[in-house]
Protein backbone atom coordinates (compact mmCIF):
# COMPACT_ATOMS: atom_id res chain seq x y z
CA UNK A 1 0.00 0.00 0.00
CA UNK A 2 1.45 3.42 -0.93
CA UNK A 3 2.81 5.41 1.99
CA UNK A 4 1.30 8.80 2.76
CA UNK A 5 3.56 11.83 2.41
CA UNK A 6 4.65 13.20 5.76
CA UNK A 7 7.16 15.60 7.27
CA UNK A 8 10.30 13.95 8.61
CA UNK A 9 10.89 13.92 12.32
CA UNK A 10 13.39 16.74 13.07
CA UNK A 11 15.97 14.30 14.48
CA UNK A 12 15.78 12.13 11.34
CA UNK A 13 16.11 15.19 9.11
CA UNK A 14 19.07 16.37 11.18
CA UNK A 15 20.87 13.03 10.81
CA UNK A 16 20.28 12.99 7.03
CA UNK A 17 21.65 16.52 6.65
CA UNK A 18 24.62 15.69 8.85
CA UNK A 19 25.58 12.81 6.57
CA UNK A 20 26.17 15.23 3.70
CA UNK A 21 28.79 17.16 5.67
CA UNK A 22 30.26 14.65 8.15
CA UNK A 23 31.07 11.15 6.95
CA UNK A 24 34.23 10.35 8.95
CA UNK A 25 36.59 11.87 11.54
CA UNK A 26 38.61 13.76 8.94
CA UNK A 27 35.44 15.66 7.95
CA UNK A 28 35.15 16.87 11.54
CA UNK A 29 38.80 17.97 11.52
CA UNK A 30 38.27 19.83 8.24
CA UNK A 31 35.25 21.77 9.49
CA UNK A 32 36.75 22.65 12.88
CA UNK A 33 39.98 23.90 11.30
CA UNK A 34 37.92 26.08 8.95
CA UNK A 35 36.14 27.58 11.95
CA UNK A 36 39.45 28.25 13.72
CA UNK A 37 40.86 29.95 10.61
CA UNK A 38 37.76 32.13 10.33
CA UNK A 39 38.24 33.10 13.99
CA UNK A 40 41.60 34.66 13.04
CA UNK A 41 43.58 32.06 14.98
CA UNK A 42 47.37 32.22 14.89
CA UNK A 43 47.70 28.75 16.44
CA UNK A 44 45.61 25.61 15.82
CA UNK A 45 46.14 22.36 17.72
CA UNK A 46 44.41 19.13 16.65
CA UNK A 47 44.42 16.07 18.92
CA UNK A 48 42.70 12.78 18.13
CA UNK A 49 42.16 9.47 19.89
CA UNK A 50 41.47 6.14 18.17
CA UNK A 51 41.70 7.73 14.75
CA UNK A 52 39.30 10.47 15.80
CA UNK A 53 36.48 7.97 16.26
CA UNK A 54 36.52 8.26 20.04
CA UNK A 55 37.67 11.85 20.39
CA UNK A 56 38.76 14.88 18.37
CA UNK A 57 39.87 18.06 20.11
CA UNK A 58 40.66 21.29 18.28
CA UNK A 59 42.06 24.25 20.22
CA UNK A 60 42.64 27.71 18.74
CA UNK A 61 43.63 31.15 20.00
CA UNK A 62 41.13 33.01 17.84
CA UNK A 63 38.59 35.68 18.77
CA UNK A 64 36.36 33.27 20.66
CA UNK A 65 32.57 33.02 20.96
CA UNK A 66 30.44 35.23 23.19
CA UNK A 67 28.55 33.29 25.91
CA UNK A 68 25.18 34.40 24.55
CA UNK A 69 26.09 32.99 21.12
CA UNK A 70 27.04 29.51 22.33
CA UNK A 71 23.48 28.10 22.15
CA UNK A 72 23.33 29.09 18.47
CA UNK A 73 26.59 27.38 17.50
CA UNK A 74 25.11 23.95 16.92
CA UNK A 75 21.84 25.01 15.34
CA UNK A 76 21.09 24.71 11.65
CA UNK A 77 21.92 27.71 9.46
CA UNK A 78 23.50 29.59 12.37
CA UNK A 79 26.53 31.52 11.14
CA UNK A 80 28.41 34.77 11.66
CA UNK A 81 29.78 34.78 8.12
CA UNK A 82 26.83 35.29 5.77
CA UNK A 83 23.84 37.60 6.16
CA UNK A 84 22.42 38.25 2.69
CA UNK A 85 22.26 36.35 -0.58
CA UNK A 86 24.81 38.76 -2.03
CA UNK A 87 27.31 37.65 0.62
CA UNK A 88 27.52 34.24 -1.09
CA UNK A 89 29.15 35.94 -4.06
CA UNK A 90 31.81 37.79 -2.08
CA UNK A 91 32.95 35.13 0.38
CA UNK A 92 36.02 35.90 2.45
CA UNK A 93 35.69 33.04 4.93
CA UNK A 94 36.23 29.28 4.84
CA UNK A 95 32.81 28.49 6.27
CA UNK A 96 29.50 30.00 5.23
CA UNK A 97 26.74 27.38 5.33
CA UNK A 98 26.10 27.36 9.07
CA UNK A 99 25.94 23.57 8.92
CA UNK A 100 29.30 22.33 10.26
CA UNK A 101 28.80 22.33 14.03
CA UNK A 102 25.12 21.47 13.58
CA UNK A 103 26.07 18.36 11.61
CA UNK A 104 28.85 17.37 14.00
CA UNK A 105 26.57 17.80 17.03
CA UNK A 106 23.96 15.58 15.37
CA UNK A 107 26.51 12.75 15.17
CA UNK A 108 28.51 13.00 18.41
CA UNK A 109 28.82 14.55 21.84
CA UNK A 110 30.23 18.04 21.37
CA UNK A 111 31.66 20.22 24.12
CA UNK A 112 32.42 23.84 23.19
CA UNK A 113 34.37 26.06 25.58
CA UNK A 114 35.22 29.57 24.47
CA UNK A 115 36.39 32.92 25.77
CA UNK A 116 36.12 36.22 23.94
CA UNK A 117 38.36 39.13 24.88
CA UNK A 118 36.76 41.23 27.59
CA UNK A 119 34.32 38.53 28.71
CA UNK A 120 34.35 35.45 30.91
CA UNK A 121 34.56 32.02 29.33
CA UNK A 122 31.58 29.72 28.92
CA UNK A 123 30.87 26.10 27.97
CA UNK A 124 28.00 24.24 26.32
CA UNK A 125 27.51 20.52 25.65
CA UNK A 126 25.41 19.20 22.77
CA UNK A 127 24.97 15.42 22.86
CA UNK A 128 23.67 14.04 19.54
CA UNK A 129 21.46 17.08 19.05
CA UNK A 130 20.41 17.58 22.68
CA UNK A 131 21.65 20.87 24.18
CA UNK A 132 22.69 21.50 27.77
CA UNK A 133 22.58 24.86 29.49
CA UNK A 134 25.52 27.23 29.07
CA UNK A 135 27.75 27.15 32.16
CA UNK A 136 30.65 29.43 33.18
CA UNK A 137 34.22 28.36 32.46
CA UNK A 138 36.43 28.31 29.40
CA UNK A 139 39.99 28.63 28.14
CA UNK A 140 42.08 31.74 28.80
CA UNK A 141 41.55 32.77 25.21
CA UNK A 142 40.06 31.36 22.03
CA UNK A 143 38.01 28.20 21.62
CA UNK A 144 38.31 24.53 22.53
CA UNK A 145 35.97 22.05 20.84
CA UNK A 146 35.87 18.39 21.83
CA UNK A 147 33.98 15.88 19.69
CA UNK A 148 33.50 12.53 21.43
CA UNK A 149 32.10 9.15 20.33
CA UNK A 150 31.49 10.02 16.68
CA UNK A 151 28.55 8.04 15.22
CA UNK A 152 28.03 6.15 18.50
CA UNK A 153 24.29 6.72 18.07
CA UNK A 154 24.47 5.73 14.38
CA UNK A 155 26.04 2.22 14.39
CA UNK A 156 25.49 1.74 10.67
CA UNK A 157 27.69 4.76 9.92
CA UNK A 158 30.49 3.40 12.12
CA UNK A 159 30.58 0.21 10.04
CA UNK A 160 31.91 2.22 7.09
CA UNK A 161 34.87 3.67 8.99
CA UNK A 162 38.37 2.29 8.49
CA UNK A 163 40.80 1.09 11.13
CA UNK A 164 41.83 3.81 13.62
CA UNK A 165 45.33 4.00 12.08
CA UNK A 166 43.84 4.70 8.64
CA UNK A 167 41.38 7.27 9.99
CA UNK A 168 44.27 8.92 11.85
CA UNK A 169 46.23 9.27 8.61
CA UNK A 170 43.20 10.84 6.94
CA UNK A 171 42.86 13.36 9.78
CA UNK A 172 46.53 14.26 9.55
CA UNK A 173 46.30 14.65 5.77
CA UNK A 174 43.37 17.04 6.12
CA UNK A 175 45.32 19.17 8.57
CA UNK A 176 48.33 19.26 6.23
CA UNK A 177 46.09 20.18 3.31
CA UNK A 178 44.63 23.08 5.29
CA UNK A 179 48.00 24.16 6.69
CA UNK A 180 49.48 24.56 3.20
CA UNK A 181 47.15 27.49 2.52
CA UNK A 182 47.80 29.26 5.83
CA UNK A 183 51.56 29.37 6.44
CA UNK A 184 51.10 32.32 8.81
CA UNK A 185 49.27 30.00 11.26
CA UNK A 186 51.09 27.41 13.36
CA UNK A 187 49.60 23.90 13.35
CA UNK A 188 50.20 20.92 15.63
CA UNK A 189 48.79 17.43 15.27
CA UNK A 190 48.68 14.95 18.15
CA UNK A 191 47.70 11.28 17.91
CA UNK A 192 46.92 10.50 21.52
CA UNK A 193 49.70 12.16 23.51
CA UNK A 194 52.25 11.86 20.69
CA UNK A 195 53.06 14.99 18.68
CA UNK A 196 53.06 13.72 15.10
CA UNK A 197 53.40 16.98 13.20
CA UNK A 198 54.56 20.45 14.22
CA UNK A 199 54.32 23.22 11.62
CA UNK A 200 55.43 26.63 12.93
CA UNK A 201 54.33 29.81 11.18
CA UNK A 202 56.64 30.45 8.24
CA UNK A 203 56.79 31.45 4.56
CA UNK A 204 54.58 29.75 1.93
CA UNK A 205 57.46 27.84 0.33
CA UNK A 206 58.89 26.72 3.67
CA UNK A 207 55.45 25.54 4.80
CA UNK A 208 55.33 23.15 1.83
CA UNK A 209 58.84 21.90 2.57
CA UNK A 210 58.07 21.48 6.28
CA UNK A 211 54.84 19.61 5.62
CA UNK A 212 56.58 17.26 3.18
CA UNK A 213 59.76 16.87 5.24
CA UNK A 214 59.32 13.09 5.47
CA UNK A 215 58.78 12.65 1.74
CA UNK A 216 61.96 10.89 0.65
CA UNK A 217 61.38 11.72 -3.02
CA UNK A 218 61.14 15.49 -2.64
CA UNK A 219 64.41 17.36 -3.25
CA UNK A 220 64.27 20.74 -1.43
CA UNK A 221 67.04 22.21 -3.60
CA UNK A 222 64.92 21.44 -6.68
CA UNK A 223 61.87 23.23 -5.26
CA UNK A 224 61.11 26.72 -6.53
CA UNK A 225 58.38 29.33 -6.15
CA UNK A 226 56.82 31.49 -8.81
CA UNK A 227 53.97 33.96 -9.13
CA UNK A 228 52.01 35.94 -11.70
CA UNK A 229 49.27 38.55 -11.65
CA UNK A 230 46.41 39.31 -14.03
CA UNK A 231 43.58 41.82 -13.91
CA UNK A 232 41.20 39.89 -11.64
CA UNK A 233 43.30 37.03 -10.30
CA UNK A 234 46.79 36.18 -9.12
CA UNK A 235 48.82 32.97 -9.09
CA UNK A 236 51.45 31.59 -6.75
CA UNK A 237 53.03 28.16 -6.96
CA UNK A 238 55.57 26.09 -5.09
CA UNK A 239 56.82 23.54 -7.60
CA UNK A 240 59.74 21.27 -8.34
CA UNK A 241 62.01 21.51 -11.34
CA UNK A 242 61.89 18.66 -13.87
CA UNK A 243 64.76 17.08 -11.91
CA UNK A 244 62.32 15.99 -9.19
CA UNK A 245 59.10 14.20 -9.98
CA UNK A 246 56.69 11.41 -9.09
CA UNK A 247 54.84 8.77 -11.07
CA UNK A 248 51.42 10.00 -9.90
CA UNK A 249 49.53 13.28 -9.55
CA UNK A 250 49.16 13.01 -5.76
CA UNK A 251 51.25 16.14 -5.14
CA UNK A 252 49.62 18.40 -7.69
CA UNK A 253 47.28 20.40 -5.46
CA UNK A 254 45.01 23.30 -6.37
CA UNK A 255 43.81 25.99 -3.98
CA UNK A 256 41.35 28.71 -4.95
CA UNK A 257 41.09 31.58 -2.49
CA UNK A 258 42.89 29.32 0.00
CA UNK A 259 40.39 26.47 -0.35
CA UNK A 260 41.67 23.08 -1.54
CA UNK A 261 39.57 22.18 -4.58
CA UNK A 262 39.36 19.45 -7.17
CA UNK A 263 39.78 21.24 -10.48
CA UNK A 264 41.12 18.98 -13.22
CA UNK A 265 41.47 21.81 -15.74
CA UNK A 266 44.12 23.49 -13.57
CA UNK A 267 45.89 20.19 -12.87
CA UNK A 268 46.01 19.79 -16.63
CA UNK A 269 47.39 23.31 -17.02
CA UNK A 270 50.29 22.45 -14.70
CA UNK A 271 51.15 19.28 -16.61
CA UNK A 272 50.92 21.19 -19.89
CA UNK A 273 53.31 23.76 -18.48
CA UNK A 274 55.94 21.08 -17.85
CA UNK A 275 55.20 19.51 -21.22
CA UNK A 276 57.98 17.29 -22.57
CA UNK A 277 60.38 18.36 -19.83
CA UNK A 278 59.23 15.34 -17.82
CA UNK A 279 59.48 11.73 -18.97
CA UNK A 280 56.30 9.89 -19.87
CA UNK A 281 54.13 9.08 -16.88
CA UNK A 282 55.97 11.53 -14.60
CA UNK A 283 54.39 14.40 -12.68
CA UNK A 284 55.84 17.24 -10.62
CA UNK A 285 55.25 18.38 -7.08
CA UNK A 286 53.19 21.53 -7.53
CA UNK A 287 51.07 23.45 -5.04
CA UNK A 288 49.15 26.09 -6.97
CA UNK A 289 47.38 28.91 -5.12
CA UNK A 290 44.90 30.92 -7.17
CA UNK A 291 43.44 34.11 -5.73
CA UNK A 292 40.36 35.19 -7.66
CA UNK A 293 37.98 38.10 -7.41
CA UNK A 294 35.16 36.62 -5.24
CA UNK A 295 32.61 37.68 -7.84
CA UNK A 296 34.18 35.26 -10.33
CA UNK A 297 34.07 32.15 -8.15
CA UNK A 298 31.28 30.04 -6.67
CA UNK A 299 31.96 27.52 -3.88
CA UNK A 300 28.31 26.94 -3.07
CA UNK A 301 28.16 23.68 -5.03
CA UNK A 302 28.47 20.91 -2.43
CA UNK A 303 28.63 20.83 1.40
CA UNK A 304 32.23 19.57 1.29
CA UNK A 305 33.16 22.76 -0.63
CA UNK A 306 35.73 20.94 -2.79
CA UNK A 307 33.99 21.84 -6.04
CA UNK A 308 34.29 25.28 -7.55
CA UNK A 309 32.95 27.20 -10.52
CA UNK A 310 35.32 29.74 -12.07
CA UNK A 311 33.92 32.21 -14.57
CA UNK A 312 37.40 32.94 -15.94
CA UNK A 313 38.71 29.36 -15.91
CA UNK A 314 40.07 29.49 -19.47
CA UNK A 315 42.07 32.65 -18.74
CA UNK A 316 43.49 31.16 -15.55
CA UNK A 317 44.37 27.93 -17.37
CA UNK A 318 46.31 29.85 -20.01
CA UNK A 319 48.16 31.92 -17.42
CA UNK A 320 49.13 28.86 -15.35
CA UNK A 321 50.66 27.16 -18.39
CA UNK A 322 52.64 30.31 -19.23
CA UNK A 323 53.81 30.81 -15.63
CA UNK A 324 55.05 27.23 -15.25
CA UNK A 325 56.91 27.34 -18.57
CA UNK A 326 58.54 30.63 -17.63
CA UNK A 327 59.64 29.25 -14.28
CA UNK A 328 61.24 26.23 -15.93
CA UNK A 329 63.20 28.60 -18.16
CA UNK A 330 64.50 30.40 -15.07
CA UNK A 331 65.28 27.27 -13.06
CA UNK A 332 67.14 25.43 -15.81
CA UNK A 333 69.11 28.06 -17.74
CA UNK A 334 71.45 25.42 -19.16
CA UNK A 335 68.63 23.85 -21.11
CA UNK A 336 67.02 25.72 -24.01
CA UNK A 337 63.31 25.07 -24.01
CA UNK A 338 62.98 26.91 -27.30
CA UNK A 339 65.36 24.47 -28.94
CA UNK A 340 63.54 21.50 -27.46
CA UNK A 341 60.20 22.90 -28.58
CA UNK A 342 61.62 23.29 -32.08
CA UNK A 343 62.83 19.69 -32.19
CA UNK A 344 59.62 18.17 -30.84
CA UNK A 345 57.12 20.69 -32.15
CA UNK A 346 54.89 20.49 -29.08
CA UNK A 347 54.65 21.18 -25.39
CA UNK A 348 51.73 18.82 -24.83
CA UNK A 349 51.75 16.50 -21.88
CA UNK A 350 53.60 13.26 -22.70
CA UNK A 351 51.61 10.02 -22.88
CA UNK A 352 51.19 8.33 -19.51
CA UNK A 353 51.45 4.81 -20.87
CA UNK A 354 54.30 2.91 -22.42
CA UNK A 355 57.98 2.90 -21.54
CA UNK A 356 59.20 5.99 -19.70
CA UNK A 357 62.01 8.04 -21.14
CA UNK A 358 65.30 8.30 -19.31
CA UNK A 359 65.27 11.27 -16.91
CA UNK A 360 67.27 14.24 -18.14
CA UNK A 361 68.88 15.10 -14.85
CA UNK A 362 69.86 11.71 -13.53
CA UNK A 363 67.08 11.54 -10.93
CA UNK A 364 64.22 9.12 -11.14
CA UNK A 365 61.32 9.89 -8.86
CA UNK A 366 58.68 7.60 -7.51
């Protein structure tokens, strides 16, 4: 017999909405780091237990939350970052949906303690959507958010999580991904009581080198930085010379207005820029940071905010190719790219199948 149409119970609707934003511990880490960045933090500390499944704690020294605002933190569409529809087209913050803490609090026990300058600290607990009263007490400055027992009330969701060690790696990778775009902020990552990663505030290039310090294939001396500016966007990249490469695209990363995004057209632009300077099937390390006029970019595509629409994508693509080629000319003066272009007649990306050419500089990456 056909079921009658009805309105979902609020708790059911909350859990469904939460699943779009929070699907594993690393999603929690991503959203809480975004909040800390938006709070103008200069220091962000992430600590996890059991891969973040049992506990995630994020501490920042940002502006903090006023006691009277704490009850709103974990409610749907509650945000300090967007007021009007027009604000969506001039975003200057990482978060804007007002869904992050709401979704986390629907899936775990969340304790928020915060202190704003000039006021006393306060704390609120939201346990799987159920709010407590606000009580006095908080950190000396900034905000501390503890997320405990993720998906404990949703056993089916827990079945899809990986082993704690794997989830821990995902959490760490998210923090590194975020840290790349904010070198002026110090980041620390603890797994239990063990400090696994310490990234002090530094320059953009040094942040990349620090974050990849344990990558045995990266050659710091073959890492360069380059930049370019156009009328409504600017480019900055930390990239390796053709002497240092990998056999996968895992270290070609794109950031638009400091957000990590999946934009194949710009990944393609980077590989086109290197052209035949790399052997077949080889790819560089390249962290590309694109700063675009907010009116030309739309992040309001998916709750994860990894998709982006760029109105001037073709122009950016062209400029990225030109910038990378120019940087290769500067970094390898002993090799004439013009002569090579003449001989081969193309700068297109080499085929990724078949036998790889011998590397030009005596270094074979992995």
